[in-house]
Amino acid sequence: MRLFFIICLSLITYSVFGQVKLLSLDELEKRVANGKDTTYVVNFWATWCSPCVAELPHFEKLQLANLKKPVKVLLVSLDFKSKLQKAVIPFVKEKKLQSEVFLLNEPDQQAYIERIDRKWSGAIPATLFIKRDKRQFFEREFTSDELNTAWLNFNK
């Protein structure tokens, strides 16, 4: 019985900390459109990007601090799709990320960059705040205080 409990607990932990889904921009846009009063904080990052990895805890903190508010942090990895099993999922498990994590499933990098924000050079980390028709894009790394300030200003 004890072994059964340990196996179940490890499977639950894996599903919470190791789940990474493929996501197209069409799916992202549909998801955001369905959350009418929700502010989405969409962070674009990669496992190989040191500034990206450094700021991930700030996004986790923002999500946890606002659990009872209509805010949703979506962490969108720009790692290659071939890296999903060997790099992204192990990274998410190791860092125990609790926000929703996706791997962007788009074949044309230039096309998705322009769709996300026409001024985006493609550099990461990058963050997009979305609420209904309101959008604000940041092509930079955030400290925890800077992220909180940006989120509060966006929601004024």
C-alpha atoms as a PDB file:
ATOM      1  CA  MET A   1       0.000   0.000   0.000  1.00  0.00           C
ATOM      2  CA  ARG A   2       2.836   2.388   0.863  1.00  0.00           C
ATOM      3  CA  LEU A   3       4.501   1.733  -2.501  1.00  0.00           C
ATOM      4  CA  PHE A   4       1.207   2.466  -4.263  1.00  0.00           C
ATOM      5  CA  PHE A   5       0.978   5.814  -2.431  1.00  0.00           C
ATOM      6  CA  ILE A   6       4.566   6.728  -3.404  1.00  0.00           C
ATOM      7  CA  ILE A   7       3.918   5.864  -7.053  1.00  0.00           C
ATOM      8  CA  CYS A   8       0.705   7.931  -7.086  1.00  0.00           C
ATOM      9  CA  LEU A   9       2.452  10.872  -5.449  1.00  0.00           C
ATOM     10  CA  SER A  10       5.303  10.754  -7.952  1.00  0.00           C
ATOM     11  CA  LEU A  11       2.832  10.636 -10.868  1.00  0.00           C
ATOM     12  CA  ILE A  12       0.937  13.632  -9.469  1.00  0.00           C
ATOM     13  CA  THR A  13       4.196  15.513  -8.989  1.00  0.00           C
ATOM     14  CA  TYR A  14       5.238  14.648 -12.534  1.00  0.00           C
ATOM     15  CA  SER A  15       1.925  15.815 -13.966  1.00  0.00           C
ATOM     16  CA  VAL A  16       2.066  19.103 -12.075  1.00  0.00           C
ATOM     17  CA  PHE A  17       5.755  19.895 -12.494  1.00  0.00           C
ATOM     18  CA  GLY A  18       6.542  18.106 -15.723  1.00  0.00           C
ATOM     19  CA  GLN A  19       3.630  18.942 -17.936  1.00  0.00           C
ATOM     20  CA  VAL A  20       4.497  20.978 -20.996  1.00  0.00           C
ATOM     21  CA  LYS A  21       2.043  21.223 -23.857  1.00  0.00           C
ATOM     22  CA  LEU A  22       2.636  22.257 -27.441  1.00  0.00           C
ATOM     23  CA  LEU A  23       0.828  25.493 -28.277  1.00  0.00           C
ATOM     24  CA  SER A  24       0.275  27.323 -31.544  1.00  0.00           C
ATOM     25  CA  LEU A  25      -0.353  31.070 -31.720  1.00  0.00           C
ATOM     26  CA  ASP A  26      -3.919  30.376 -32.866  1.00  0.00           C
ATOM     27  CA  GLU A  27      -4.449  28.299 -29.709  1.00  0.00           C
ATOM     28  CA  LEU A  28      -2.889  31.014 -27.550  1.00  0.00           C
ATOM     29  CA  GLU A  29      -5.119  33.678 -29.084  1.00  0.00           C
ATOM     30  CA  LYS A  30      -8.211  31.497 -28.574  1.00  0.00           C
ATOM     31  CA  ARG A  31      -7.240  30.894 -24.950  1.00  0.00           C
ATOM     32  CA  VAL A  32      -6.771  34.604 -24.285  1.00  0.00           C
ATOM     33  CA  ALA A  33     -10.048  35.486 -26.035  1.00  0.00           C
ATOM     34  CA  ASN A  34     -11.950  33.099 -23.743  1.00  0.00           C
ATOM     35  CA  GLY A  35     -10.632  34.789 -20.578  1.00  0.00           C
ATOM     36  CA  LYS A  36     -12.663  37.988 -20.813  1.00  0.00           C
ATOM     37  CA  ASP A  37     -11.730  39.526 -17.437  1.00  0.00           C
ATOM     38  CA  THR A  38      -8.407  37.777 -17.026  1.00  0.00           C
ATOM     39  CA  THR A  39      -5.066  39.495 -17.414  1.00  0.00           C
ATOM     40  CA  TYR A  40      -2.649  37.163 -19.171  1.00  0.00           C
ATOM     41  CA  VAL A  41       1.061  37.539 -18.539  1.00  0.00           C
ATOM     42  CA  VAL A  42       2.733  35.611 -21.345  1.00  0.00           C
ATOM     43  CA  ASN A  43       6.467  35.189 -20.900  1.00  0.00           C
ATOM     44  CA  PHE A  44       8.566  34.003 -23.848  1.00  0.00           C
ATOM     45  CA  TRP A  45      11.718  32.230 -22.697  1.00  0.00           C
ATOM     46  CA  ALA A  46      14.048  29.306 -23.385  1.00  0.00           C
ATOM     47  CA  THR A  47      15.997  26.852 -21.245  1.00  0.00           C
ATOM     48  CA  TRP A  48      19.323  28.024 -22.767  1.00  0.00           C
ATOM     49  CA  CYS A  49      18.654  31.745 -22.058  1.00  0.00           C
ATOM     50  CA  SER A  50      20.295  32.788 -18.757  1.00  0.00           C
ATOM     51  CA  PRO A  51      18.283  36.026 -18.302  1.00  0.00           C
ATOM     52  CA  CYS A  52      15.099  34.066 -19.034  1.00  0.00           C
ATOM     53  CA  VAL A  53      15.901  31.444 -16.427  1.00  0.00           C
ATOM     54  CA  ALA A  54      16.846  34.157 -13.910  1.00  0.00           C
ATOM     55  CA  GLU A  55      13.459  35.870 -14.194  1.00  0.00           C
ATOM     56  CA  LEU A  56      11.218  32.760 -14.157  1.00  0.00           C
ATOM     57  CA  PRO A  57      10.884  32.826 -10.338  1.00  0.00           C
ATOM     58  CA  HIS A  58       9.450  36.352 -10.596  1.00  0.00           C
ATOM     59  CA  PHE A  59       6.634  35.094 -12.827  1.00  0.00           C
ATOM     60  CA  GLU A  60       5.984  32.209 -10.436  1.00  0.00           C
ATOM     61  CA  LYS A  61       5.836  34.693  -7.551  1.00  0.00           C
ATOM     62  CA  LEU A  62       3.403  36.932  -9.480  1.00  0.00           C
ATOM     63  CA  GLN A  63       1.108  33.968 -10.164  1.00  0.00           C
ATOM     64  CA  LEU A  64       1.190  32.750  -6.557  1.00  0.00           C
ATOM     65  CA  ALA A  65       0.601  36.243  -5.139  1.00  0.00           C
ATOM     66  CA  ASN A  66      -2.518  36.642  -7.273  1.00  0.00           C
ATOM     67  CA  LEU A  67      -4.216  33.260  -7.036  1.00  0.00           C
ATOM     68  CA  LYS A  68      -7.559  34.818  -6.117  1.00  0.00           C
ATOM     69  CA  LYS A  69      -7.376  37.467  -8.841  1.00  0.00           C
ATOM     70  CA  PRO A  70      -8.102  37.083 -12.551  1.00  0.00           C
ATOM     71  CA  VAL A  71      -4.467  36.819 -13.628  1.00  0.00           C
ATOM     72  CA  LYS A  72      -2.866  33.920 -15.472  1.00  0.00           C
ATOM     73  CA  VAL A  73       0.839  33.488 -16.099  1.00  0.00           C
ATOM     74  CA  LEU A  74       1.671  31.472 -19.209  1.00  0.00           C
ATOM     75  CA  LEU A  75       5.313  30.506 -19.712  1.00  0.00           C
ATOM     76  CA  VAL A  76       5.932  29.900 -23.414  1.00  0.00           C
ATOM     77  CA  SER A  77       9.211  28.201 -24.234  1.00  0.00           C
ATOM     78  CA  LEU A  78      10.859  29.020 -27.543  1.00  0.00           C
ATOM     79  CA  ASP A  79      13.110  25.957 -27.367  1.00  0.00           C
ATOM     80  CA  PHE A  80      13.081  23.763 -30.452  1.00  0.00           C
ATOM     81  CA  LYS A  81      10.253  21.224 -30.490  1.00  0.00           C
ATOM     82  CA  SER A  82      12.906  18.467 -30.616  1.00  0.00           C
ATOM     83  CA  LYS A  83      14.066  19.604 -27.143  1.00  0.00           C
ATOM     84  CA  LEU A  84      10.687  19.051 -25.465  1.00  0.00           C
ATOM     85  CA  GLN A  85      11.399  15.630 -23.901  1.00  0.00           C
ATOM     86  CA  LYS A  86      15.135  15.958 -23.242  1.00  0.00           C
ATOM     87  CA  ALA A  87      15.438  19.612 -22.146  1.00  0.00           C
ATOM     88  CA  VAL A  88      12.161  21.442 -21.513  1.00  0.00           C
ATOM     89  CA  ILE A  89      10.213  18.884 -19.465  1.00  0.00           C
ATOM     90  CA  PRO A  90      13.232  18.005 -17.256  1.00  0.00           C
ATOM     91  CA  PHE A  91      13.886  21.749 -16.758  1.00  0.00           C
ATOM     92  CA  VAL A  92      10.272  22.387 -15.712  1.00  0.00           C
ATOM     93  CA  LYS A  93      10.419  19.454 -13.281  1.00  0.00           C
ATOM     94  CA  GLU A  94      13.781  20.528 -11.839  1.00  0.00           C
ATOM     95  CA  LYS A  95      12.626  24.127 -11.307  1.00  0.00           C
ATOM     96  CA  LYS A  96       9.213  22.946 -10.043  1.00  0.00           C
ATOM     97  CA  LEU A  97       7.432  25.513 -12.199  1.00  0.00           C
ATOM     98  CA  GLN A  98       3.774  25.744 -11.259  1.00  0.00           C
ATOM     99  CA  SER A  99       2.577  28.220 -13.870  1.00  0.00           C
ATOM    100  CA  GLU A 100       1.293  26.718 -17.087  1.00  0.00           C
ATOM    101  CA  VAL A 101       4.213  25.924 -19.388  1.00  0.00           C
ATOM    102  CA  PHE A 102       3.959  25.570 -23.145  1.00  0.00           C
ATOM    103  CA  LEU A 103       6.363  25.033 -25.998  1.00  0.00           C
ATOM    104  CA  LEU A 104       5.540  27.239 -28.972  1.00  0.00           C
ATOM    105  CA  ASN A 105       4.666  25.029 -31.907  1.00  0.00           C
ATOM    106  CA  GLU A 106       5.180  27.383 -34.847  1.00  0.00           C
ATOM    107  CA  PRO A 107       7.393  26.580 -37.836  1.00  0.00           C
ATOM    108  CA  ASP A 108       8.058  30.149 -39.039  1.00  0.00           C
ATOM    109  CA  GLN A 109       9.939  32.171 -36.430  1.00  0.00           C
ATOM    110  CA  GLN A 110       9.665  35.494 -38.269  1.00  0.00           C
ATOM    111  CA  ALA A 111       5.917  35.089 -38.766  1.00  0.00           C
ATOM    112  CA  TYR A 112       5.188  34.369 -35.099  1.00  0.00           C
ATOM    113  CA  ILE A 113       7.466  37.210 -33.935  1.00  0.00           C
ATOM    114  CA  GLU A 114       5.525  39.696 -36.064  1.00  0.00           C
ATOM    115  CA  ARG A 115       2.189  38.285 -34.905  1.00  0.00           C
ATOM    116  CA  ILE A 116       3.115  38.654 -31.245  1.00  0.00           C
ATOM    117  CA  ASP A 117       4.396  42.226 -31.646  1.00  0.00           C
ATOM    118  CA  ARG A 118       5.553  44.031 -34.801  1.00  0.00           C
ATOM    119  CA  LYS A 119       8.313  45.823 -32.862  1.00  0.00           C
ATOM    120  CA  TRP A 120       9.746  42.623 -31.380  1.00  0.00           C
ATOM    121  CA  SER A 121      13.269  41.892 -32.624  1.00  0.00           C
ATOM    122  CA  GLY A 122      12.908  38.263 -31.523  1.00  0.00           C
ATOM    123  CA  ALA A 123      15.234  38.651 -28.514  1.00  0.00           C
ATOM    124  CA  ILE A 124      14.262  36.933 -25.265  1.00  0.00           C
ATOM    125  CA  PRO A 125      13.198  37.188 -22.565  1.00  0.00           C
ATOM    126  CA  ALA A 126      10.075  38.958 -23.731  1.00  0.00           C
ATOM    127  CA  THR A 127       6.712  39.400 -22.040  1.00  0.00           C
ATOM    128  CA  LEU A 128       3.253  40.226 -23.318  1.00  0.00           C
ATOM    129  CA  PHE A 129       0.453  41.481 -21.069  1.00  0.00           C
ATOM    130  CA  ILE A 130      -3.020  40.943 -22.538  1.00  0.00           C
ATOM    131  CA  LYS A 131      -6.482  41.786 -21.225  1.00  0.00           C
ATOM    132  CA  ARG A 132      -9.336  41.839 -23.730  1.00  0.00           C
ATOM    133  CA  ASP A 133      -8.141  44.190 -26.517  1.00  0.00           C
ATOM    134  CA  LYS A 134      -5.418  45.811 -24.408  1.00  0.00           C
ATOM    135  CA  ARG A 135      -1.847  44.633 -25.060  1.00  0.00           C
ATOM    136  CA  GLN A 136       1.550  45.721 -23.809  1.00  0.00           C
ATOM    137  CA  PHE A 137       4.794  44.131 -24.926  1.00  0.00           C
ATOM    138  CA  PHE A 138       8.192  44.194 -23.185  1.00  0.00           C
ATOM    139  CA  GLU A 139      11.399  42.974 -24.777  1.00  0.00           C
ATOM    140  CA  ARG A 140      13.520  42.831 -21.634  1.00  0.00           C
ATOM    141  CA  GLU A 141      14.346  40.991 -18.440  1.00  0.00           C
ATOM    142  CA  PHE A 142      12.331  41.878 -15.324  1.00  0.00           C
ATOM    143  CA  THR A 143      13.288  42.028 -11.675  1.00  0.00           C
ATOM    144  CA  SER A 144      10.510  40.980  -9.312  1.00  0.00           C
ATOM    145  CA  ASP A 145       9.687  44.614  -8.446  1.00  0.00           C
ATOM    146  CA  GLU A 146       9.731  45.695 -12.100  1.00  0.00           C
ATOM    147  CA  LEU A 147       7.371  42.871 -13.050  1.00  0.00           C
ATOM    148  CA  ASN A 148       4.961  43.739 -10.247  1.00  0.00           C
ATOM    149  CA  THR A 149       5.036  47.413 -11.220  1.00  0.00           C
ATOM    150  CA  ALA A 150       4.433  46.612 -14.900  1.00  0.00           C
ATOM    151  CA  TRP A 151       1.539  44.309 -13.973  1.00  0.00           C
ATOM    152  CA  LEU A 152      -0.038  46.887 -11.655  1.00  0.00           C
ATOM    153  CA  ASN A 153       0.338  49.680 -14.232  1.00  0.00           C
ATOM    154  CA  PHE A 154      -1.174  47.498 -16.929  1.00  0.00           C
ATOM    155  CA  ASN A 155      -4.219  46.791 -14.766  1.00  0.00           C
ATOM    156  CA  LYS A 156      -4.963  50.429 -13.876  1.00  0.00           C
END
